[in-house]
């Protein structure tokens, strides 16, 4: 990506995956994802997209859509730069992160 986005890092004991969360500061589902990851001690990085410049957001959304073949909505979680989970459906998170 030809632009730099500064992510906030949340430390956790579980560093198995490289996780980037694209979220909105006012989104309840986004905050559920953040709480879920923290609750399960999973390290991740996040950015509140609504705090970014509009031009960067437009380019970011286009890049994510091109890479993953989906129109981006939030929360949008990228795992190891290969997989993604859109929204907060707990069963998908349990499967992705091997949580019983």
C-alpha atoms as a PDB file:
ATOM      1  CA  UNK A   1       0.000   0.000   0.000  1.00  0.00           C
ATOM      2  CA  UNK A   2       1.519   3.346  -0.991  1.00  0.00           C
ATOM      3  CA  UNK A   3       0.420   5.120   2.196  1.00  0.00           C
ATOM      4  CA  UNK A   4       1.264   4.684   5.837  1.00  0.00           C
ATOM      5  CA  UNK A   5      -1.364   3.962   8.445  1.00  0.00           C
ATOM      6  CA  UNK A   6      -0.408   4.068  12.100  1.00  0.00           C
ATOM      7  CA  UNK A   7      -1.943   1.147  13.963  1.00  0.00           C
ATOM      8  CA  UNK A   8      -2.417   0.924  17.716  1.00  0.00           C
ATOM      9  CA  UNK A   9      -1.024  -2.276  19.192  1.00  0.00           C
ATOM     10  CA  UNK A  10      -2.740  -4.276  21.914  1.00  0.00           C
ATOM     11  CA  UNK A  11      -0.374  -6.709  23.564  1.00  0.00           C
ATOM     12  CA  UNK A  12      -1.431 -10.237  24.410  1.00  0.00           C
ATOM     13  CA  UNK A  13       0.096 -13.554  25.427  1.00  0.00           C
ATOM     14  CA  UNK A  14      -1.059 -15.177  22.194  1.00  0.00           C
ATOM     15  CA  UNK A  15       1.104 -13.863  19.362  1.00  0.00           C
ATOM     16  CA  UNK A  16       0.336 -16.738  16.955  1.00  0.00           C
ATOM     17  CA  UNK A  17      -1.201 -14.521  14.284  1.00  0.00           C
ATOM     18  CA  UNK A  18      -0.505 -11.124  12.767  1.00  0.00           C
ATOM     19  CA  UNK A  19      -3.864  -9.410  13.182  1.00  0.00           C
ATOM     20  CA  UNK A  20      -4.966  -6.034  11.864  1.00  0.00           C
ATOM     21  CA  UNK A  21      -8.394  -4.733  12.764  1.00  0.00           C
ATOM     22  CA  UNK A  22      -9.985  -1.977  10.706  1.00  0.00           C
ATOM     23  CA  UNK A  23     -12.682  -0.481  12.900  1.00  0.00           C
ATOM     24  CA  UNK A  24     -14.840   2.562  13.515  1.00  0.00           C
ATOM     25  CA  UNK A  25     -14.579   4.348  16.856  1.00  0.00           C
ATOM     26  CA  UNK A  26     -18.381   4.469  17.224  1.00  0.00           C
ATOM     27  CA  UNK A  27     -19.086   0.878  16.105  1.00  0.00           C
ATOM     28  CA  UNK A  28     -20.395  -1.450  18.829  1.00  0.00           C
ATOM     29  CA  UNK A  29     -19.482  -4.566  16.817  1.00  0.00           C
ATOM     30  CA  UNK A  30     -15.929  -3.246  16.393  1.00  0.00           C
ATOM     31  CA  UNK A  31     -15.624  -2.823  20.157  1.00  0.00           C
ATOM     32  CA  UNK A  32     -16.994  -6.352  20.666  1.00  0.00           C
ATOM     33  CA  UNK A  33     -14.183  -7.694  18.473  1.00  0.00           C
ATOM     34  CA  UNK A  34     -11.615  -5.724  20.454  1.00  0.00           C
ATOM     35  CA  UNK A  35     -13.007  -7.009  23.751  1.00  0.00           C
ATOM     36  CA  UNK A  36     -13.136 -10.574  22.435  1.00  0.00           C
ATOM     37  CA  UNK A  37      -9.493 -10.529  21.318  1.00  0.00           C
ATOM     38  CA  UNK A  38      -8.366  -8.970  24.588  1.00  0.00           C
ATOM     39  CA  UNK A  39     -10.457 -11.429  26.616  1.00  0.00           C
ATOM     40  CA  UNK A  40      -8.679 -14.306  24.842  1.00  0.00           C
ATOM     41  CA  UNK A  41      -5.230 -12.682  25.225  1.00  0.00           C
ATOM     42  CA  UNK A  42      -4.762 -12.406  21.450  1.00  0.00           C
ATOM     43  CA  UNK A  43      -2.312  -9.724  20.366  1.00  0.00           C
ATOM     44  CA  UNK A  44      -3.548  -7.451  17.584  1.00  0.00           C
ATOM     45  CA  UNK A  45      -3.219  -4.043  16.004  1.00  0.00           C
ATOM     46  CA  UNK A  46      -6.114  -1.757  15.133  1.00  0.00           C
ATOM     47  CA  UNK A  47      -6.918   1.506  13.486  1.00  0.00           C
ATOM     48  CA  UNK A  48     -10.066   3.557  13.747  1.00  0.00           C
ATOM     49  CA  UNK A  49     -10.723   4.228  10.075  1.00  0.00           C
ATOM     50  CA  UNK A  50     -12.959   7.196  10.887  1.00  0.00           C
ATOM     51  CA  UNK A  51      -9.876   8.997  12.256  1.00  0.00           C
ATOM     52  CA  UNK A  52      -8.025   8.757   8.919  1.00  0.00           C
ATOM     53  CA  UNK A  53      -8.007  11.242   6.057  1.00  0.00           C
ATOM     54  CA  UNK A  54     -10.859  10.582   3.588  1.00  0.00           C
ATOM     55  CA  UNK A  55      -8.479  10.065   0.669  1.00  0.00           C
ATOM     56  CA  UNK A  56      -6.583   7.398   2.602  1.00  0.00           C
ATOM     57  CA  UNK A  57      -9.847   5.694   3.612  1.00  0.00           C
ATOM     58  CA  UNK A  58     -10.996   5.598  -0.002  1.00  0.00           C
ATOM     59  CA  UNK A  59      -7.710   4.042  -1.143  1.00  0.00           C
ATOM     60  CA  UNK A  60      -7.606   1.651   1.822  1.00  0.00           C
ATOM     61  CA  UNK A  61     -11.135   0.390   1.140  1.00  0.00           C
ATOM     62  CA  UNK A  62     -10.321  -0.098  -2.551  1.00  0.00           C
ATOM     63  CA  UNK A  63      -7.124  -1.996  -1.701  1.00  0.00           C
ATOM     64  CA  UNK A  64      -8.878  -4.272   0.797  1.00  0.00           C
ATOM     65  CA  UNK A  65     -11.727  -4.897  -1.637  1.00  0.00           C
ATOM     66  CA  UNK A  66      -9.294  -5.779  -4.412  1.00  0.00           C
ATOM     67  CA  UNK A  67      -7.274  -8.110  -2.168  1.00  0.00           C
ATOM     68  CA  UNK A  68     -10.183  -9.933  -0.514  1.00  0.00           C
ATOM     69  CA  UNK A  69     -12.913  -9.563  -3.121  1.00  0.00           C
ATOM     70  CA  UNK A  70     -15.400  -8.040  -0.672  1.00  0.00           C
ATOM     71  CA  UNK A  71     -16.922  -4.634  -0.205  1.00  0.00           C
ATOM     72  CA  UNK A  72     -15.468  -3.505   3.114  1.00  0.00           C
ATOM     73  CA  UNK A  73     -17.656  -2.971   6.130  1.00  0.00           C
ATOM     74  CA  UNK A  74     -16.570  -2.770   9.739  1.00  0.00           C
ATOM     75  CA  UNK A  75     -15.231  -4.443  11.717  1.00  0.00           C
ATOM     76  CA  UNK A  76     -12.861  -5.877   9.123  1.00  0.00           C
ATOM     77  CA  UNK A  77     -10.219  -8.125  10.656  1.00  0.00           C
ATOM     78  CA  UNK A  78      -7.254  -9.335   8.591  1.00  0.00           C
ATOM     79  CA  UNK A  79      -5.320 -12.373   9.801  1.00  0.00           C
ATOM     80  CA  UNK A  80      -1.769 -13.021   8.590  1.00  0.00           C
ATOM     81  CA  UNK A  81      -2.470 -10.778   5.595  1.00  0.00           C
ATOM     82  CA  UNK A  82      -4.285 -13.736   3.966  1.00  0.00           C
ATOM     83  CA  UNK A  83      -7.643 -14.313   5.655  1.00  0.00           C
ATOM     84  CA  UNK A  84     -10.324 -11.980   6.907  1.00  0.00           C
ATOM     85  CA  UNK A  85     -13.411 -11.891   9.074  1.00  0.00           C
ATOM     86  CA  UNK A  86     -16.007  -9.236   8.444  1.00  0.00           C
ATOM     87  CA  UNK A  87     -18.398  -8.315  11.229  1.00  0.00           C
ATOM     88  CA  UNK A  88     -18.579  -9.998  14.614  1.00  0.00           C
ATOM     89  CA  UNK A  89     -19.938 -13.513  14.463  1.00  0.00           C
ATOM     90  CA  UNK A  90     -18.432 -15.261  17.463  1.00  0.00           C
ATOM     91  CA  UNK A  91     -18.373 -18.723  15.883  1.00  0.00           C
ATOM     92  CA  UNK A  92     -16.116 -17.413  13.083  1.00  0.00           C
ATOM     93  CA  UNK A  93     -13.698 -16.006  15.653  1.00  0.00           C
ATOM     94  CA  UNK A  94     -13.687 -19.254  17.637  1.00  0.00           C
ATOM     95  CA  UNK A  95     -12.898 -21.190  14.456  1.00  0.00           C
ATOM     96  CA  UNK A  96     -10.189 -18.773  13.265  1.00  0.00           C
ATOM     97  CA  UNK A  97      -8.415 -18.677  16.621  1.00  0.00           C
ATOM     98  CA  UNK A  98      -9.072 -22.267  17.766  1.00  0.00           C
ATOM     99  CA  UNK A  99     -11.124 -21.239  20.807  1.00  0.00           C
ATOM    100  CA  UNK A 100     -13.439 -23.805  22.337  1.00  0.00           C
END
